[in-house]
Amino acid sequence: MKNVFVLAVLLAACPSSALEIKSSVNAKGELEDDINLPFVSDPAAIGRWESVDFVAEPGDFDPASRAAKGELFFKELVLLPDGKSPNGWWTWTKGAVLHANDRTASRYEIKKLGGAEYMFFEWKSGDYTIRHMKPQYYVLKKTAAVRRDNIDLPFRDDPAVVGEWASVDFVGSPGKFDPAARAWKSDLYLKELVFLPKGKGGKPWWTWTKGVVLHQGDKTASHYEIRKIGGADYLFFEWKSGDYVFRGAKPFYYVLKRK
């Protein structure tokens, strides 16, 4: 009866128009949501959302007067097309963000207030899963749409690029590369690039044409150029990460040396 009571309280607190989330109590006594929801697209949700407040109910939010006085724990939410997110444990469908590790399905609602778009996002922390409390809401403001490049480019051959290239540095621009003094002191995230003949890449999600690497998943077209420095061939490759896709930042460059 306790399980039924908990679920009844939570469902009663949700608007009738909201997506219904089925929940149950596991062997540890913790709430788990049904996260096996089919994907339904919601173009309005795609993009970067930055936290601006934390409220008990969406109706408590006032854009002119922040309710939360301290620093906000949750900073941002980025939703990609096709139900994806940069954080591997999160996916989403229309009306809900799904957390694979916590097994929570957090409803969201988007409202336009004063010309800006705000998302009201259920925060299902331990207060929800362990203590069975009704979730409060993060209020997030849309700060950027997902940036997309034209990747529908015809293939133009470039025999000079075919082969294997190993990363040796990461720089702000090609002109800042010095083979004798590495600029990036930390471990390089991108280890290598493999260019196969006829525009094929070393990974199934990317292809290439002369001067450009095309990423089918991120929908980015990254410029590359080859320079000969000190008798060696170096490839300068635009790195269009989340800073480019969501924040409009200028790309840095990976520098790769032909193997």
C-alpha atoms as a PDB file:
ATOM      1  CA  MET A   1       0.000   0.000   0.000  1.00  0.00           C
ATOM      2  CA  LYS A   2       2.939   2.331   0.705  1.00  0.00           C
ATOM      3  CA  ASN A   3       4.091   2.075  -2.924  1.00  0.00           C
ATOM      4  CA  VAL A   4       0.619   2.886  -4.200  1.00  0.00           C
ATOM      5  CA  PHE A   5       0.363   5.845  -1.837  1.00  0.00           C
ATOM      6  CA  VAL A   6       3.718   7.304  -2.931  1.00  0.00           C
ATOM      7  CA  LEU A   7       2.828   7.009  -6.609  1.00  0.00           C
ATOM      8  CA  ALA A   8      -0.611   8.487  -6.060  1.00  0.00           C
ATOM      9  CA  VAL A   9       0.841  11.532  -4.291  1.00  0.00           C
ATOM     10  CA  LEU A  10       3.418  12.129  -7.031  1.00  0.00           C
ATOM     11  CA  LEU A  11       0.933  11.751  -9.861  1.00  0.00           C
ATOM     12  CA  ALA A  12      -1.601  13.978  -8.144  1.00  0.00           C
ATOM     13  CA  ALA A  13       1.020  16.734  -7.907  1.00  0.00           C
ATOM     14  CA  CYS A  14       1.611  16.715 -11.674  1.00  0.00           C
ATOM     15  CA  PRO A  15      -0.548  18.700 -14.098  1.00  0.00           C
ATOM     16  CA  SER A  16      -2.962  16.534 -16.074  1.00  0.00           C
ATOM     17  CA  SER A  17      -1.369  17.774 -19.300  1.00  0.00           C
ATOM     18  CA  ALA A  18       2.121  16.623 -18.269  1.00  0.00           C
ATOM     19  CA  LEU A  19       3.706  13.434 -19.510  1.00  0.00           C
ATOM     20  CA  GLU A  20       2.742  10.546 -17.214  1.00  0.00           C
ATOM     21  CA  ILE A  21       5.751   8.812 -15.694  1.00  0.00           C
ATOM     22  CA  LYS A  22       5.280   5.371 -14.166  1.00  0.00           C
ATOM     23  CA  SER A  23       7.337   4.772 -11.034  1.00  0.00           C
ATOM     24  CA  SER A  24       7.977   1.902  -8.644  1.00  0.00           C
ATOM     25  CA  VAL A  25       9.913   1.222  -5.442  1.00  0.00           C
ATOM     26  CA  ASN A  26      12.872  -1.118  -5.815  1.00  0.00           C
ATOM     27  CA  ALA A  27      14.295  -3.636  -3.310  1.00  0.00           C
ATOM     28  CA  LYS A  28      16.311  -0.862  -1.615  1.00  0.00           C
ATOM     29  CA  GLY A  29      13.178   1.171  -1.053  1.00  0.00           C
ATOM     30  CA  GLU A  30      14.195   3.737  -3.668  1.00  0.00           C
ATOM     31  CA  LEU A  31      11.958   5.176  -6.337  1.00  0.00           C
ATOM     32  CA  GLU A  32      12.705   4.219  -9.936  1.00  0.00           C
ATOM     33  CA  ASP A  33      10.969   5.725 -12.947  1.00  0.00           C
ATOM     34  CA  ASP A  34      10.163   3.929 -16.169  1.00  0.00           C
ATOM     35  CA  ILE A  35      12.852   5.302 -18.472  1.00  0.00           C
ATOM     36  CA  ASN A  36      11.994   3.017 -21.410  1.00  0.00           C
ATOM     37  CA  LEU A  37      10.043   5.703 -23.197  1.00  0.00           C
ATOM     38  CA  PRO A  38       9.877   5.909 -27.000  1.00  0.00           C
ATOM     39  CA  PHE A  39      11.610   8.879 -28.579  1.00  0.00           C
ATOM     40  CA  VAL A  40       9.366  11.699 -29.764  1.00  0.00           C
ATOM     41  CA  SER A  41      11.085  14.765 -31.180  1.00  0.00           C
ATOM     42  CA  ASP A  42      10.640  18.225 -29.695  1.00  0.00           C
ATOM     43  CA  PRO A  43      12.511  20.833 -31.775  1.00  0.00           C
ATOM     44  CA  ALA A  44      11.817  23.520 -29.152  1.00  0.00           C
ATOM     45  CA  ALA A  45      13.883  21.611 -26.570  1.00  0.00           C
ATOM     46  CA  ILE A  46      17.011  21.218 -28.687  1.00  0.00           C
ATOM     47  CA  GLY A  47      19.828  23.517 -27.646  1.00  0.00           C
ATOM     48  CA  ARG A  48      21.720  24.765 -24.607  1.00  0.00           C
ATOM     49  CA  TRP A  49      19.819  25.769 -21.467  1.00  0.00           C
ATOM     50  CA  GLU A  50      21.502  27.641 -18.596  1.00  0.00           C
ATOM     51  CA  SER A  51      20.175  27.442 -15.007  1.00  0.00           C
ATOM     52  CA  VAL A  52      18.868  30.740 -13.646  1.00  0.00           C
ATOM     53  CA  ASP A  53      16.760  29.715 -10.630  1.00  0.00           C
ATOM     54  CA  PHE A  54      15.476  26.868  -8.455  1.00  0.00           C
ATOM     55  CA  VAL A  55      11.827  26.914  -7.340  1.00  0.00           C
ATOM     56  CA  ALA A  56       9.287  24.697  -5.629  1.00  0.00           C
ATOM     57  CA  GLU A  57       6.772  25.094  -8.462  1.00  0.00           C
ATOM     58  CA  PRO A  58       6.974  26.608 -11.962  1.00  0.00           C
ATOM     59  CA  GLY A  59       4.436  29.224 -10.894  1.00  0.00           C
ATOM     60  CA  ASP A  60       6.860  30.513  -8.258  1.00  0.00           C
ATOM     61  CA  PHE A  61       9.357  31.743 -10.858  1.00  0.00           C
ATOM     62  CA  ASP A  62       9.731  35.472 -11.435  1.00  0.00           C
ATOM     63  CA  PRO A  63      12.332  36.483 -14.085  1.00  0.00           C
ATOM     64  CA  ALA A  64      12.835  39.774 -12.233  1.00  0.00           C
ATOM     65  CA  SER A  65      13.452  38.276  -8.788  1.00  0.00           C
ATOM     66  CA  ARG A  66      15.499  35.126  -8.243  1.00  0.00           C
ATOM     67  CA  ALA A  67      14.123  32.773  -5.585  1.00  0.00           C
ATOM     68  CA  ALA A  68      17.311  30.739  -4.963  1.00  0.00           C
ATOM     69  CA  LYS A  69      19.819  32.774  -2.959  1.00  0.00           C
ATOM     70  CA  GLY A  70      22.933  30.585  -3.158  1.00  0.00           C
ATOM     71  CA  GLU A  71      24.938  29.195  -6.043  1.00  0.00           C
ATOM     72  CA  LEU A  72      22.990  26.853  -8.303  1.00  0.00           C
ATOM     73  CA  PHE A  73      24.331  23.293  -8.214  1.00  0.00           C
ATOM     74  CA  PHE A  74      23.047  22.364 -11.674  1.00  0.00           C
ATOM     75  CA  LYS A  75      24.618  24.626 -14.286  1.00  0.00           C
ATOM     76  CA  GLU A  76      23.256  23.714 -17.708  1.00  0.00           C
ATOM     77  CA  LEU A  77      21.388  21.207 -19.803  1.00  0.00           C
ATOM     78  CA  VAL A  78      22.233  20.497 -23.438  1.00  0.00           C
ATOM     79  CA  LEU A  79      19.774  18.542 -25.565  1.00  0.00           C
ATOM     80  CA  LEU A  80      20.860  17.289 -28.971  1.00  0.00           C
ATOM     81  CA  PRO A  81      18.682  16.072 -31.831  1.00  0.00           C
ATOM     82  CA  ASP A  82      17.443  12.460 -31.863  1.00  0.00           C
ATOM     83  CA  GLY A  83      17.132  12.245 -28.081  1.00  0.00           C
ATOM     84  CA  LYS A  84      20.845  12.597 -27.380  1.00  0.00           C
ATOM     85  CA  SER A  85      22.895  14.650 -24.907  1.00  0.00           C
ATOM     86  CA  PRO A  86      26.637  15.279 -24.501  1.00  0.00           C
ATOM     87  CA  ASN A  87      26.366  13.513 -21.136  1.00  0.00           C
ATOM     88  CA  GLY A  88      26.276   9.811 -21.917  1.00  0.00           C
ATOM     89  CA  TRP A  89      23.940   8.933 -19.051  1.00  0.00           C
ATOM     90  CA  TRP A  90      21.206  11.293 -20.253  1.00  0.00           C
ATOM     91  CA  THR A  91      18.767  10.891 -23.111  1.00  0.00           C
ATOM     92  CA  TRP A  92      15.482  12.639 -23.718  1.00  0.00           C
ATOM     93  CA  THR A  93      12.103  12.430 -25.380  1.00  0.00           C
ATOM     94  CA  LYS A  94       9.368  15.046 -25.723  1.00  0.00           C
ATOM     95  CA  GLY A  95       8.446  16.136 -22.212  1.00  0.00           C
ATOM     96  CA  ALA A  96      11.094  14.216 -20.259  1.00  0.00           C
ATOM     97  CA  VAL A  97      14.852  13.926 -19.667  1.00  0.00           C
ATOM     98  CA  LEU A  98      15.926  10.373 -18.820  1.00  0.00           C
ATOM     99  CA  HIS A  99      18.853   9.532 -16.529  1.00  0.00           C
ATOM    100  CA  ALA A 100      20.134   5.995 -17.166  1.00  0.00           C
ATOM    101  CA  ASN A 101      22.182   5.685 -13.950  1.00  0.00           C
ATOM    102  CA  ASP A 102      19.624   7.112 -11.507  1.00  0.00           C
ATOM    103  CA  ARG A 103      16.728   5.611 -13.464  1.00  0.00           C
ATOM    104  CA  THR A 104      14.730   8.825 -13.336  1.00  0.00           C
ATOM    105  CA  ALA A 105      12.495  10.446 -15.925  1.00  0.00           C
ATOM    106  CA  SER A 106      12.301  14.176 -15.202  1.00  0.00           C
ATOM    107  CA  ARG A 107       9.511  16.109 -16.853  1.00  0.00           C
ATOM    108  CA  TYR A 108      10.233  19.440 -18.483  1.00  0.00           C
ATOM    109  CA  GLU A 109       8.015  22.225 -19.729  1.00  0.00           C
ATOM    110  CA  ILE A 110       9.018  25.168 -21.924  1.00  0.00           C
ATOM    111  CA  LYS A 111       7.439  28.591 -21.526  1.00  0.00           C
ATOM    112  CA  LYS A 112       8.118  31.931 -23.205  1.00  0.00           C
ATOM    113  CA  LEU A 113       8.332  34.781 -20.694  1.00  0.00           C
ATOM    114  CA  GLY A 114       9.275  38.333 -21.600  1.00  0.00           C
ATOM    115  CA  GLY A 115      10.568  37.299 -25.007  1.00  0.00           C
ATOM    116  CA  ALA A 116      12.869  34.593 -23.590  1.00  0.00           C
ATOM    117  CA  GLU A 117      12.421  30.826 -23.513  1.00  0.00           C
ATOM    118  CA  TYR A 118      12.539  29.104 -20.135  1.00  0.00           C
ATOM    119  CA  MET A 119      12.529  25.407 -19.311  1.00  0.00           C
ATOM    120  CA  PHE A 120      11.065  24.161 -16.038  1.00  0.00           C
ATOM    121  CA  PHE A 121      12.937  20.948 -15.283  1.00  0.00           C
ATOM    122  CA  GLU A 122      12.063  18.517 -12.483  1.00  0.00           C
ATOM    123  CA  TRP A 123      15.085  17.929 -10.242  1.00  0.00           C
ATOM    124  CA  LYS A 124      14.881  14.298  -9.158  1.00  0.00           C
ATOM    125  CA  SER A 125      17.680  14.118  -6.611  1.00  0.00           C
ATOM    126  CA  GLY A 126      17.987  11.807  -3.617  1.00  0.00           C
ATOM    127  CA  ASP A 127      15.080  13.668  -2.052  1.00  0.00           C
ATOM    128  CA  TYR A 128      12.947  12.064  -4.743  1.00  0.00           C
ATOM    129  CA  THR A 129      14.550   8.630  -5.156  1.00  0.00           C
ATOM    130  CA  ILE A 130      15.471   7.940  -1.506  1.00  0.00           C
ATOM    131  CA  ARG A 131      13.105  10.110   0.536  1.00  0.00           C
ATOM    132  CA  HIS A 132      10.173   9.957  -1.914  1.00  0.00           C
ATOM    133  CA  MET A 133       9.668  13.712  -1.870  1.00  0.00           C
ATOM    134  CA  LYS A 134       8.000  15.683  -4.630  1.00  0.00           C
ATOM    135  CA  PRO A 135      10.662  17.144  -6.970  1.00  0.00           C
ATOM    136  CA  GLN A 136      11.370  20.843  -7.125  1.00  0.00           C
ATOM    137  CA  TYR A 137      12.264  22.597 -10.380  1.00  0.00           C
ATOM    138  CA  TYR A 138      15.327  24.086 -11.954  1.00  0.00           C
ATOM    139  CA  VAL A 139      14.486  26.998 -14.213  1.00  0.00           C
ATOM    140  CA  LEU A 140      16.749  27.151 -17.254  1.00  0.00           C
ATOM    141  CA  LYS A 141      16.971  29.844 -19.896  1.00  0.00           C
ATOM    142  CA  LYS A 142      17.712  28.983 -23.502  1.00  0.00           C
ATOM    143  CA  THR A 143      21.053  30.549 -24.389  1.00  0.00           C
ATOM    144  CA  ALA A 144      21.888  28.924 -27.716  1.00  0.00           C
ATOM    145  CA  ALA A 145      20.380  26.811 -30.414  1.00  0.00           C
ATOM    146  CA  VAL A 146      22.382  23.879 -31.698  1.00  0.00           C
ATOM    147  CA  ARG A 147      24.722  25.108 -34.416  1.00  0.00           C
ATOM    148  CA  ARG A 148      24.676  23.021 -37.588  1.00  0.00           C
ATOM    149  CA  ASP A 149      26.944  23.167 -40.658  1.00  0.00           C
ATOM    150  CA  ASN A 150      26.066  22.227 -44.218  1.00  0.00           C
ATOM    151  CA  ILE A 151      27.460  18.704 -44.581  1.00  0.00           C
ATOM    152  CA  ASP A 152      25.806  18.013 -47.936  1.00  0.00           C
ATOM    153  CA  LEU A 153      29.008  18.598 -49.887  1.00  0.00           C
ATOM    154  CA  PRO A 154      30.047  16.743 -53.055  1.00  0.00           C
ATOM    155  CA  PHE A 155      33.142  14.564 -52.873  1.00  0.00           C
ATOM    156  CA  ARG A 156      36.373  16.047 -54.241  1.00  0.00           C
ATOM    157  CA  ASP A 157      39.450  13.885 -54.032  1.00  0.00           C
ATOM    158  CA  ASP A 158      42.581  14.854 -52.140  1.00  0.00           C
ATOM    159  CA  PRO A 159      45.228  12.087 -52.434  1.00  0.00           C
ATOM    160  CA  ALA A 160      47.580  14.037 -50.153  1.00  0.00           C
ATOM    161  CA  VAL A 161      45.340  13.531 -47.107  1.00  0.00           C
ATOM    162  CA  VAL A 162      44.782   9.775 -47.453  1.00  0.00           C
ATOM    163  CA  GLY A 163      46.502   7.867 -44.679  1.00  0.00           C
ATOM    164  CA  GLU A 164      46.923   7.893 -40.899  1.00  0.00           C
ATOM    165  CA  TRP A 165      47.619  11.022 -38.863  1.00  0.00           C
ATOM    166  CA  ALA A 166      48.606  11.123 -35.175  1.00  0.00           C
ATOM    167  CA  SER A 167      47.770  14.095 -32.913  1.00  0.00           C
ATOM    168  CA  VAL A 168      50.772  16.026 -31.620  1.00  0.00           C
ATOM    169  CA  ASP A 169      49.289  19.309 -30.338  1.00  0.00           C
ATOM    170  CA  PHE A 170      46.174  21.445 -29.810  1.00  0.00           C
ATOM    171  CA  VAL A 171      46.395  25.165 -30.627  1.00  0.00           C
ATOM    172  CA  GLY A 172      44.247  28.268 -30.947  1.00  0.00           C
ATOM    173  CA  SER A 173      45.182  28.733 -34.595  1.00  0.00           C
ATOM    174  CA  PRO A 174      47.565  27.067 -37.076  1.00  0.00           C
ATOM    175  CA  GLY A 175      50.008  29.958 -36.812  1.00  0.00           C
ATOM    176  CA  LYS A 176      50.554  29.244 -33.108  1.00  0.00           C
ATOM    177  CA  PHE A 177      51.968  25.761 -33.688  1.00  0.00           C
ATOM    178  CA  ASP A 178      55.650  25.249 -32.959  1.00  0.00           C
ATOM    179  CA  PRO A 179      57.015  21.712 -33.552  1.00  0.00           C
ATOM    180  CA  ALA A 180      59.744  22.370 -30.982  1.00  0.00           C
ATOM    181  CA  ALA A 181      57.423  23.497 -28.144  1.00  0.00           C
ATOM    182  CA  ARG A 182      54.101  21.790 -27.568  1.00  0.00           C
ATOM    183  CA  ALA A 183      51.354  24.266 -26.611  1.00  0.00           C
ATOM    184  CA  TRP A 184      48.879  21.802 -25.051  1.00  0.00           C
ATOM    185  CA  LYS A 185      50.323  20.364 -21.850  1.00  0.00           C
ATOM    186  CA  SER A 186      47.548  17.904 -20.983  1.00  0.00           C
ATOM    187  CA  ASP A 187      46.625  14.618 -22.634  1.00  0.00           C
ATOM    188  CA  LEU A 188      45.212  15.033 -26.144  1.00  0.00           C
ATOM    189  CA  TYR A 189      41.600  13.860 -26.401  1.00  0.00           C
ATOM    190  CA  LEU A 190      41.736  13.186 -30.154  1.00  0.00           C
ATOM    191  CA  LYS A 191      44.437  10.592 -30.753  1.00  0.00           C
ATOM    192  CA  GLU A 192      44.379  10.168 -34.516  1.00  0.00           C
ATOM    193  CA  LEU A 193      42.516  10.649 -37.772  1.00  0.00           C
ATOM    194  CA  VAL A 194      42.383   8.074 -40.541  1.00  0.00           C
ATOM    195  CA  PHE A 195      41.465   9.178 -44.063  1.00  0.00           C
ATOM    196  CA  LEU A 196      40.457   6.337 -46.349  1.00  0.00           C
ATOM    197  CA  PRO A 197      40.118   6.618 -50.147  1.00  0.00           C
ATOM    198  CA  LYS A 198      36.932   7.919 -51.788  1.00  0.00           C
ATOM    199  CA  GLY A 199      35.885  10.117 -48.896  1.00  0.00           C
ATOM    200  CA  LYS A 200      35.574   7.458 -46.228  1.00  0.00           C
ATOM    201  CA  GLY A 201      36.727   8.083 -42.671  1.00  0.00           C
ATOM    202  CA  GLY A 202      38.231   5.876 -40.019  1.00  0.00           C
ATOM    203  CA  LYS A 203      34.900   5.983 -38.131  1.00  0.00           C
ATOM    204  CA  PRO A 204      31.453   5.293 -39.635  1.00  0.00           C
ATOM    205  CA  TRP A 205      30.043   8.658 -38.526  1.00  0.00           C
ATOM    206  CA  TRP A 206      32.451  10.822 -40.500  1.00  0.00           C
ATOM    207  CA  THR A 207      33.396  11.300 -44.132  1.00  0.00           C
ATOM    208  CA  TRP A 208      35.546  13.799 -45.966  1.00  0.00           C
ATOM    209  CA  THR A 209      35.912  15.837 -49.114  1.00  0.00           C
ATOM    210  CA  LYS A 210      38.861  17.992 -50.136  1.00  0.00           C
ATOM    211  CA  GLY A 211      39.559  20.465 -47.340  1.00  0.00           C
ATOM    212  CA  VAL A 212      36.676  19.387 -45.095  1.00  0.00           C
ATOM    213  CA  VAL A 213      35.890  16.613 -42.595  1.00  0.00           C
ATOM    214  CA  LEU A 214      32.137  15.944 -42.286  1.00  0.00           C
ATOM    215  CA  HIS A 215      30.658  14.594 -39.033  1.00  0.00           C
ATOM    216  CA  GLN A 216      27.298  12.966 -39.724  1.00  0.00           C
ATOM    217  CA  GLY A 217      26.185  12.860 -36.072  1.00  0.00           C
ATOM    218  CA  ASP A 218      27.158  16.380 -34.967  1.00  0.00           C
ATOM    219  CA  LYS A 219      26.369  17.867 -38.397  1.00  0.00           C
ATOM    220  CA  THR A 220      29.680  19.737 -38.503  1.00  0.00           C
ATOM    221  CA  ALA A 221      31.985  20.486 -41.428  1.00  0.00           C
ATOM    222  CA  SER A 222      35.516  20.985 -40.115  1.00  0.00           C
ATOM    223  CA  HIS A 223      38.176  22.602 -42.271  1.00  0.00           C
ATOM    224  CA  TYR A 224      41.554  20.935 -42.615  1.00  0.00           C
ATOM    225  CA  GLU A 225      44.769  21.918 -44.321  1.00  0.00           C
ATOM    226  CA  ILE A 226      48.153  20.266 -44.754  1.00  0.00           C
ATOM    227  CA  ARG A 227      51.393  22.154 -44.203  1.00  0.00           C
ATOM    228  CA  LYS A 228      54.975  20.954 -44.571  1.00  0.00           C
ATOM    229  CA  ILE A 229      57.085  22.109 -41.629  1.00  0.00           C
ATOM    230  CA  GLY A 230      60.694  21.039 -41.104  1.00  0.00           C
ATOM    231  CA  GLY A 231      60.395  18.347 -43.757  1.00  0.00           C
ATOM    232  CA  ALA A 232      57.310  16.727 -42.132  1.00  0.00           C
ATOM    233  CA  ASP A 233      53.626  16.857 -43.137  1.00  0.00           C
ATOM    234  CA  TYR A 234      51.244  18.311 -40.541  1.00  0.00           C
ATOM    235  CA  LEU A 235      47.456  18.368 -40.719  1.00  0.00           C
ATOM    236  CA  PHE A 236      45.628  21.285 -39.056  1.00  0.00           C
ATOM    237  CA  PHE A 237      42.095  20.175 -38.202  1.00  0.00           C
ATOM    238  CA  GLU A 238      39.302  22.396 -36.850  1.00  0.00           C
ATOM    239  CA  TRP A 239      37.949  20.928 -33.611  1.00  0.00           C
ATOM    240  CA  LYS A 240      34.236  21.750 -33.553  1.00  0.00           C
ATOM    241  CA  SER A 241      33.377  20.645 -30.030  1.00  0.00           C
ATOM    242  CA  GLY A 242      30.428  21.660 -27.841  1.00  0.00           C
ATOM    243  CA  ASP A 243      31.972  25.109 -27.450  1.00  0.00           C
ATOM    244  CA  TYR A 244      31.368  25.621 -31.172  1.00  0.00           C
ATOM    245  CA  VAL A 245      28.070  23.737 -31.468  1.00  0.00           C
ATOM    246  CA  PHE A 246      26.324  25.206 -28.403  1.00  0.00           C
ATOM    247  CA  ARG A 247      28.205  28.360 -27.468  1.00  0.00           C
ATOM    248  CA  GLY A 248      29.204  29.756 -30.853  1.00  0.00           C
ATOM    249  CA  ALA A 249      32.892  29.776 -29.949  1.00  0.00           C
ATOM    250  CA  LYS A 250      35.652  29.855 -32.547  1.00  0.00           C
ATOM    251  CA  PRO A 251      37.151  26.358 -33.015  1.00  0.00           C
ATOM    252  CA  PHE A 252      40.655  25.461 -31.862  1.00  0.00           C
ATOM    253  CA  TYR A 253      42.848  23.208 -34.017  1.00  0.00           C
ATOM    254  CA  TYR A 254      44.258  19.763 -33.550  1.00  0.00           C
ATOM    255  CA  VAL A 255      47.675  19.389 -35.135  1.00  0.00           C
ATOM    256  CA  LEU A 256      48.356  15.918 -36.492  1.00  0.00           C
ATOM    257  CA  LYS A 257      51.493  14.508 -38.013  1.00  0.00           C
ATOM    258  CA  ARG A 258      51.470  11.927 -40.763  1.00  0.00           C
ATOM    259  CA  LYS A 259      52.373   8.492 -39.427  1.00  0.00           C
END
